[in-house]
Amino acid sequence: MTFLAALTLFTLAVFLGVELISKVPPTLHTPLMSGSNAISGITLLGALVSAGSDHSTLSTWLGFGAVTLATINVVGGFLVTHRMLGMFSTKTSDRKR
């Protein structure tokens, strides 16, 4: 019964996430990206704890996979945010004209 409840909660969270993200205007995606980077950082910490605990081999491997995916998400999010913020900065050659 616990697995069914967890699966139902996960399915509802996926549908709610898709609905919320699809309703966000494009001008708000950069602040949301910064917020998701913070959440991914918290996920990375939880994954490190899971990978470091010696409960079972399966939990260690799942934790390692979670660390890898969360790290990719955090680094990619910061690269995209940096690129988007660079689009709004003024260049030094533009100011000299």
N, C-alpha and C. Protein backbone atom coordinates (compact mmCIF):
# COMPACT_ATOMS: atom_id res chain seq x y z
N MET A 1 0.82 -1.20 0.00
CA MET A 1 0.00 0.00 0.00
C MET A 1 0.86 1.25 0.00
N THR A 2 2.03 1.20 0.62
CA THR A 2 2.90 2.36 0.69
C THR A 2 3.43 2.73 -0.70
N PHE A 3 3.79 1.72 -1.49
CA PHE A 3 4.28 1.98 -2.85
C PHE A 3 3.21 2.64 -3.70
N LEU A 4 1.98 2.20 -3.58
CA LEU A 4 0.89 2.77 -4.35
C LEU A 4 0.66 4.24 -3.97
N ALA A 5 0.74 4.54 -2.68
CA ALA A 5 0.57 5.93 -2.23
C ALA A 5 1.72 6.79 -2.74
N ALA A 6 2.95 6.27 -2.71
CA ALA A 6 4.10 7.03 -3.20
C ALA A 6 4.00 7.25 -4.70
N LEU A 7 3.57 6.25 -5.45
CA LEU A 7 3.41 6.37 -6.89
C LEU A 7 2.32 7.39 -7.24
N THR A 8 1.23 7.37 -6.50
CA THR A 8 0.16 8.34 -6.72
C THR A 8 0.65 9.76 -6.44
N LEU A 9 1.38 9.95 -5.36
CA LEU A 9 1.92 11.26 -5.02
C LEU A 9 2.90 11.74 -6.07
N PHE A 10 3.76 10.85 -6.55
CA PHE A 10 4.71 11.21 -7.60
C PHE A 10 3.99 11.62 -8.88
N THR A 11 2.97 10.86 -9.27
CA THR A 11 2.22 11.18 -10.49
C THR A 11 1.52 12.53 -10.38
N LEU A 12 0.92 12.80 -9.25
CA LEU A 12 0.27 14.10 -9.04
C LEU A 12 1.29 15.23 -9.06
N ALA A 13 2.47 15.01 -8.49
CA ALA A 13 3.51 16.04 -8.49
C ALA A 13 4.00 16.33 -9.90
N VAL A 14 4.11 15.29 -10.73
CA VAL A 14 4.53 15.50 -12.12
C VAL A 14 3.50 16.33 -12.87
N PHE A 15 2.23 15.98 -12.75
CA PHE A 15 1.19 16.74 -13.44
C PHE A 15 1.12 18.18 -12.93
N LEU A 16 1.23 18.38 -11.63
CA LEU A 16 1.20 19.73 -11.08
C LEU A 16 2.41 20.53 -11.55
N GLY A 17 3.58 19.92 -11.59
CA GLY A 17 4.78 20.62 -12.06
C GLY A 17 4.67 21.04 -13.51
N VAL A 18 4.15 20.16 -14.36
CA VAL A 18 3.99 20.50 -15.77
C VAL A 18 3.00 21.65 -15.93
N GLU A 19 1.92 21.61 -15.21
CA GLU A 19 0.92 22.68 -15.30
C GLU A 19 1.48 24.01 -14.81
N LEU A 20 2.21 24.00 -13.72
CA LEU A 20 2.77 25.24 -13.20
C LEU A 20 3.82 25.84 -14.12
N ILE A 21 4.72 25.03 -14.62
CA ILE A 21 5.79 25.53 -15.48
C ILE A 21 5.25 26.01 -16.82
N SER A 22 4.22 25.36 -17.34
CA SER A 22 3.68 25.78 -18.63
C SER A 22 2.94 27.12 -18.54
N LYS A 23 2.54 27.51 -17.35
CA LYS A 23 1.82 28.78 -17.18
C LYS A 23 2.74 29.96 -16.86
N VAL A 24 4.04 29.72 -16.72
CA VAL A 24 4.98 30.78 -16.36
C VAL A 24 5.37 31.56 -17.61
N PRO A 25 5.28 32.91 -17.56
CA PRO A 25 5.71 33.69 -18.73
C PRO A 25 7.24 33.63 -18.89
N PRO A 26 7.73 33.79 -20.12
CA PRO A 26 9.17 33.67 -20.37
C PRO A 26 10.04 34.65 -19.57
N THR A 27 9.50 35.80 -19.19
CA THR A 27 10.30 36.77 -18.44
C THR A 27 10.62 36.30 -17.02
N LEU A 28 9.89 35.34 -16.52
CA LEU A 28 10.13 34.85 -15.17
C LEU A 28 10.97 33.59 -15.12
N HIS A 29 11.44 33.09 -16.25
CA HIS A 29 12.20 31.85 -16.25
C HIS A 29 13.56 31.99 -15.58
N THR A 30 14.22 33.16 -15.70
CA THR A 30 15.53 33.34 -15.06
C THR A 30 15.42 33.30 -13.54
N PRO A 31 14.48 34.02 -12.90
CA PRO A 31 14.36 33.87 -11.45
C PRO A 31 13.98 32.46 -11.02
N LEU A 32 13.16 31.80 -11.81
CA LEU A 32 12.81 30.42 -11.47
C LEU A 32 14.01 29.49 -11.60
N MET A 33 14.88 29.78 -12.56
CA MET A 33 16.10 28.98 -12.73
C MET A 33 16.99 29.13 -11.49
N SER A 34 17.09 30.33 -10.96
CA SER A 34 17.89 30.54 -9.75
C SER A 34 17.29 29.78 -8.57
N GLY A 35 15.98 29.80 -8.46
CA GLY A 35 15.32 29.06 -7.39
C GLY A 35 15.49 27.56 -7.54
N SER A 36 15.43 27.08 -8.77
CA SER A 36 15.61 25.64 -8.98
C SER A 36 17.05 25.22 -8.74
N ASN A 37 18.00 26.13 -8.97
CA ASN A 37 19.40 25.82 -8.64
C ASN A 37 19.56 25.65 -7.14
N ALA A 38 18.89 26.47 -6.36
CA ALA A 38 18.96 26.33 -4.90
C ALA A 38 18.35 25.01 -4.45
N ILE A 39 17.22 24.64 -5.04
CA ILE A 39 16.58 23.38 -4.69
C ILE A 39 17.46 22.20 -5.12
N SER A 40 18.10 22.32 -6.28
CA SER A 40 18.99 21.25 -6.73
C SER A 40 20.20 21.11 -5.81
N GLY A 41 20.65 22.22 -5.24
CA GLY A 41 21.73 22.16 -4.27
C GLY A 41 21.32 21.39 -3.02
N ILE A 42 20.09 21.58 -2.59
CA ILE A 42 19.58 20.84 -1.44
C ILE A 42 19.44 19.36 -1.80
N THR A 43 18.99 19.08 -3.02
CA THR A 43 18.90 17.71 -3.48
C THR A 43 20.27 17.06 -3.53
N LEU A 44 21.27 17.82 -3.93
CA LEU A 44 22.64 17.30 -3.98
C LEU A 44 23.13 16.93 -2.59
N LEU A 45 22.83 17.75 -1.60
CA LEU A 45 23.21 17.41 -0.23
C LEU A 45 22.51 16.14 0.26
N GLY A 46 21.24 16.00 -0.03
CA GLY A 46 20.51 14.79 0.35
C GLY A 46 21.06 13.56 -0.36
N ALA A 47 21.44 13.73 -1.62
CA ALA A 47 22.01 12.60 -2.36
C ALA A 47 23.36 12.20 -1.80
N LEU A 48 24.15 13.19 -1.37
CA LEU A 48 25.44 12.87 -0.74
C LEU A 48 25.25 12.09 0.55
N VAL A 49 24.25 12.48 1.33
CA VAL A 49 23.97 11.75 2.57
C VAL A 49 23.53 10.32 2.25
N SER A 50 22.68 10.17 1.23
CA SER A 50 22.21 8.84 0.85
C SER A 50 23.34 7.97 0.32
N ALA A 51 24.23 8.55 -0.47
CA ALA A 51 25.34 7.78 -1.02
C ALA A 51 26.33 7.40 0.07
N GLY A 52 26.46 8.25 1.09
CA GLY A 52 27.43 7.99 2.15
C GLY A 52 26.96 7.06 3.24
N SER A 53 25.66 6.84 3.33
CA SER A 53 25.15 5.94 4.36
C SER A 53 25.33 4.49 3.89
N ASP A 54 25.65 3.62 4.82
CA ASP A 54 25.90 2.22 4.47
C ASP A 54 24.71 1.33 4.78
N HIS A 55 23.53 1.71 4.28
CA HIS A 55 22.35 0.88 4.51
C HIS A 55 22.38 -0.37 3.64
N SER A 56 22.61 -0.17 2.35
CA SER A 56 22.71 -1.31 1.44
C SER A 56 23.48 -0.87 0.19
N THR A 57 23.85 -1.83 -0.60
CA THR A 57 24.56 -1.52 -1.84
C THR A 57 23.65 -0.77 -2.81
N LEU A 58 22.37 -1.14 -2.84
CA LEU A 58 21.42 -0.47 -3.71
C LEU A 58 21.28 1.01 -3.36
N SER A 59 21.17 1.32 -2.06
CA SER A 59 21.04 2.72 -1.67
C SER A 59 22.30 3.52 -1.98
N THR A 60 23.45 2.88 -1.89
CA THR A 60 24.70 3.56 -2.23
C THR A 60 24.75 3.88 -3.72
N TRP A 61 24.37 2.92 -4.57
CA TRP A 61 24.39 3.16 -6.01
C TRP A 61 23.31 4.16 -6.44
N LEU A 62 22.15 4.08 -5.83
CA LEU A 62 21.11 5.08 -6.14
C LEU A 62 21.54 6.46 -5.68
N GLY A 63 22.19 6.53 -4.54
CA GLY A 63 22.72 7.81 -4.06
C GLY A 63 23.79 8.35 -4.99
N PHE A 64 24.66 7.48 -5.49
CA PHE A 64 25.69 7.91 -6.43
C PHE A 64 25.05 8.45 -7.71
N GLY A 65 24.03 7.75 -8.21
CA GLY A 65 23.33 8.24 -9.40
C GLY A 65 22.65 9.58 -9.15
N ALA A 66 22.08 9.73 -7.96
CA ALA A 66 21.43 11.00 -7.61
C ALA A 66 22.45 12.12 -7.50
N VAL A 67 23.63 11.83 -6.95
CA VAL A 67 24.69 12.84 -6.86
C VAL A 67 25.12 13.27 -8.26
N THR A 68 25.29 12.30 -9.15
CA THR A 68 25.71 12.61 -10.52
C THR A 68 24.67 13.47 -11.23
N LEU A 69 23.41 13.08 -11.17
CA LEU A 69 22.37 13.84 -11.87
C LEU A 69 22.15 15.21 -11.25
N ALA A 70 22.19 15.31 -9.93
CA ALA A 70 22.01 16.61 -9.28
C ALA A 70 23.17 17.55 -9.59
N THR A 71 24.38 17.01 -9.67
CA THR A 71 25.53 17.84 -10.01
C THR A 71 25.42 18.36 -11.43
N ILE A 72 25.01 17.51 -12.36
CA ILE A 72 24.80 17.95 -13.74
C ILE A 72 23.74 19.05 -13.78
N ASN A 73 22.67 18.89 -13.01
CA ASN A 73 21.59 19.87 -12.98
C ASN A 73 22.07 21.20 -12.41
N VAL A 74 22.82 21.17 -11.33
CA VAL A 74 23.30 22.41 -10.71
C VAL A 74 24.27 23.13 -11.64
N VAL A 75 25.24 22.41 -12.18
CA VAL A 75 26.24 23.05 -13.05
C VAL A 75 25.58 23.58 -14.32
N GLY A 76 24.71 22.80 -14.93
CA GLY A 76 24.00 23.27 -16.12
C GLY A 76 23.12 24.48 -15.84
N GLY A 77 22.46 24.47 -14.69
CA GLY A 77 21.62 25.61 -14.33
C GLY A 77 22.43 26.88 -14.14
N PHE A 78 23.59 26.77 -13.50
CA PHE A 78 24.43 27.95 -13.32
C PHE A 78 25.00 28.44 -14.65
N LEU A 79 25.34 27.52 -15.55
CA LEU A 79 25.85 27.94 -16.86
C LEU A 79 24.77 28.66 -17.66
N VAL A 80 23.55 28.14 -17.64
CA VAL A 80 22.46 28.79 -18.36
C VAL A 80 22.14 30.15 -17.74
N THR A 81 22.11 30.23 -16.41
CA THR A 81 21.85 31.51 -15.74
C THR A 81 22.93 32.52 -16.06
N HIS A 82 24.19 32.09 -16.05
CA HIS A 82 25.30 32.99 -16.36
C HIS A 82 25.18 33.50 -17.80
N ARG A 83 24.83 32.63 -18.71
CA ARG A 83 24.67 33.04 -20.10
C ARG A 83 23.52 34.02 -20.26
N MET A 84 22.41 33.76 -19.57
CA MET A 84 21.25 34.66 -19.69
C MET A 84 21.55 36.02 -19.07
N LEU A 85 22.26 36.04 -17.95
CA LEU A 85 22.61 37.32 -17.35
C LEU A 85 23.62 38.07 -18.20
N GLY A 86 24.48 37.35 -18.92
CA GLY A 86 25.42 37.99 -19.84
C GLY A 86 24.72 38.68 -20.99
N MET A 87 23.54 38.23 -21.33
CA MET A 87 22.78 38.87 -22.40
C MET A 87 22.28 40.25 -21.98
N PHE A 88 22.15 40.48 -20.67
CA PHE A 88 21.65 41.75 -20.19
C PHE A 88 22.75 42.72 -19.81
N SER A 89 23.99 42.27 -19.72
CA SER A 89 25.08 43.17 -19.32
C SER A 89 25.54 43.99 -20.51
N THR A 90 26.07 45.18 -20.22
CA THR A 90 26.58 46.03 -21.28
C THR A 90 28.03 45.67 -21.54
N LYS A 91 28.43 45.69 -22.77
CA LYS A 91 29.79 45.38 -23.16
C LYS A 91 30.63 46.66 -23.10
N THR A 92 31.90 46.54 -22.85
CA THR A 92 32.78 47.73 -22.74
C THR A 92 32.92 48.41 -24.10
N SER A 93 32.90 47.67 -25.18
CA SER A 93 33.03 48.30 -26.50
C SER A 93 31.77 49.09 -26.86
N ASP A 94 30.62 48.71 -26.32
CA ASP A 94 29.39 49.45 -26.59
C ASP A 94 29.39 50.79 -25.88
N ARG A 95 30.04 50.90 -24.72
CA ARG A 95 30.04 52.14 -23.97
C ARG A 95 30.99 53.17 -24.58
N LYS A 96 31.99 52.76 -25.33
CA LYS A 96 32.97 53.69 -25.90
C LYS A 96 32.42 54.44 -27.10
N ARG A 97 31.38 53.94 -27.69
CA ARG A 97 30.84 54.60 -28.89
C ARG A 97 30.10 55.84 -28.59
